[in-house]
């Protein structure tokens, strides 16, 4: 699958359409035959509602409010992780190496916060 997205109406009820790209560096969609899960969490930081939640087994699990600083920190880590992933993809190395993002201290901190 080259291009794929999952979309849903924001779980807070505001009516905004949430579009989540399904790529190795964005979200993963899991269907177990009955329920749907999206991973990682969905943070609607550009919506007025600023909602943040997980969809796991077709249920919404709400997260705490994130400050602007935490949102910006998370975006910076996501950007670095994507950059590292696609740089690694473009290399024609026969031996796969660990992603630089996982060695990055910012990445490790964000994983602890989630």
Protein backbone atom coordinates (compact mmCIF):
# COMPACT_ATOMS: atom_id res chain seq x y z
CA UNK A 1 0.00 0.00 0.00
CA UNK A 2 1.66 3.22 -1.15
CA UNK A 3 -0.87 5.88 -0.17
CA UNK A 4 -3.51 5.38 2.48
CA UNK A 5 -5.39 7.42 5.04
CA UNK A 6 -7.94 6.78 7.73
CA UNK A 7 -10.44 9.51 8.51
CA UNK A 8 -13.05 9.97 11.19
CA UNK A 9 -15.02 12.72 12.86
CA UNK A 10 -13.25 14.09 15.92
CA UNK A 11 -14.21 12.03 18.96
CA UNK A 12 -14.94 15.17 21.03
CA UNK A 13 -18.07 15.79 18.96
CA UNK A 14 -16.92 19.09 17.39
CA UNK A 15 -17.59 17.67 13.92
CA UNK A 16 -14.09 18.26 12.52
CA UNK A 17 -12.78 15.64 10.11
CA UNK A 18 -9.57 14.02 11.35
CA UNK A 19 -7.32 12.57 8.63
CA UNK A 20 -4.52 10.25 9.69
CA UNK A 21 -1.99 9.18 7.04
CA UNK A 22 -1.12 5.50 7.25
CA UNK A 23 2.63 5.30 6.66
CA UNK A 24 5.61 3.75 8.45
CA UNK A 25 6.25 7.12 10.15
CA UNK A 26 2.67 8.17 10.91
CA UNK A 27 -0.29 6.04 12.03
CA UNK A 28 -0.99 2.33 11.86
CA UNK A 29 -4.51 1.00 11.41
CA UNK A 30 -5.36 -2.40 12.86
CA UNK A 31 -8.56 -4.29 12.14
CA UNK A 32 -9.00 -7.50 14.14
CA UNK A 33 -12.11 -8.61 12.29
CA UNK A 34 -14.44 -6.76 14.64
CA UNK A 35 -12.79 -3.61 15.97
CA UNK A 36 -10.44 -0.92 14.70
CA UNK A 37 -7.40 0.62 16.40
CA UNK A 38 -5.24 3.59 15.36
CA UNK A 39 -1.77 3.98 16.78
CA UNK A 40 -0.22 6.25 17.99
CA UNK A 41 -2.57 8.70 19.69
CA UNK A 42 -4.42 11.38 17.77
CA UNK A 43 -3.64 14.93 18.83
CA UNK A 44 -5.86 17.48 17.12
CA UNK A 45 -3.61 20.44 17.94
CA UNK A 46 -4.71 22.55 14.98
CA UNK A 47 -8.42 22.21 15.81
CA UNK A 48 -10.18 24.59 18.21
CA UNK A 49 -11.05 21.61 20.45
CA UNK A 50 -7.38 20.56 20.84
CA UNK A 51 -8.58 17.03 21.66
CA UNK A 52 -6.12 14.21 22.24
CA UNK A 53 -7.08 10.54 22.38
CA UNK A 54 -6.35 6.99 21.37
CA UNK A 55 -8.69 4.77 19.37
CA UNK A 56 -8.21 1.24 20.62
CA UNK A 57 -10.56 -1.61 19.75
CA UNK A 58 -13.14 0.90 18.49
CA UNK A 59 -13.17 2.74 21.81
CA UNK A 60 -11.88 6.20 22.63
CA UNK A 61 -9.41 6.63 25.46
CA UNK A 62 -8.87 10.28 26.33
CA UNK A 63 -5.50 11.83 27.12
CA UNK A 64 -4.62 14.75 29.34
CA UNK A 65 -4.35 18.24 27.85
CA UNK A 66 -0.94 19.00 26.33
CA UNK A 67 0.71 22.42 26.61
CA UNK A 68 1.87 24.23 23.45
CA UNK A 69 5.45 23.49 24.49
CA UNK A 70 4.78 19.76 24.72
CA UNK A 71 2.97 19.78 21.37
CA UNK A 72 5.90 21.58 19.73
CA UNK A 73 8.36 19.19 21.36
CA UNK A 74 6.39 16.20 20.06
CA UNK A 75 6.20 17.69 16.56
CA UNK A 76 9.96 18.25 16.53
CA UNK A 77 10.60 14.64 17.52
CA UNK A 78 8.15 13.35 14.92
CA UNK A 79 9.83 15.45 12.26
CA UNK A 80 13.28 14.14 13.23
CA UNK A 81 12.01 10.56 13.30
CA UNK A 82 10.52 10.93 9.79
CA UNK A 83 13.69 12.52 8.48
CA UNK A 84 15.82 9.71 9.90
CA UNK A 85 13.47 7.05 8.54
CA UNK A 86 13.44 8.39 4.99
CA UNK A 87 17.17 9.08 4.97
CA UNK A 88 17.73 5.48 6.03
CA UNK A 89 15.27 4.28 3.35
CA UNK A 90 17.19 6.11 0.65
CA UNK A 91 20.46 4.41 1.52
CA UNK A 92 21.19 1.23 -0.37
CA UNK A 93 22.93 -0.49 2.52
CA UNK A 94 22.66 -4.27 2.59
CA UNK A 95 22.78 -4.34 6.39
CA UNK A 96 19.94 -2.62 8.17
CA UNK A 97 21.03 -0.42 11.06
CA UNK A 98 19.14 0.95 14.05
CA UNK A 99 17.16 4.07 13.35
CA UNK A 100 19.03 7.14 14.53
CA UNK A 101 15.75 8.44 15.92
CA UNK A 102 15.61 5.68 18.51
CA UNK A 103 19.09 6.62 19.70
CA UNK A 104 18.06 10.26 19.96
CA UNK A 105 17.47 11.39 23.55
CA UNK A 106 14.48 13.53 22.54
CA UNK A 107 12.79 10.49 21.03
CA UNK A 108 13.35 8.45 24.19
CA UNK A 109 11.93 11.23 26.38
CA UNK A 110 8.79 11.54 24.28
CA UNK A 111 8.23 7.79 24.46
CA UNK A 112 8.30 8.02 28.23
CA UNK A 113 5.72 10.83 28.16
CA UNK A 114 3.22 8.90 26.03
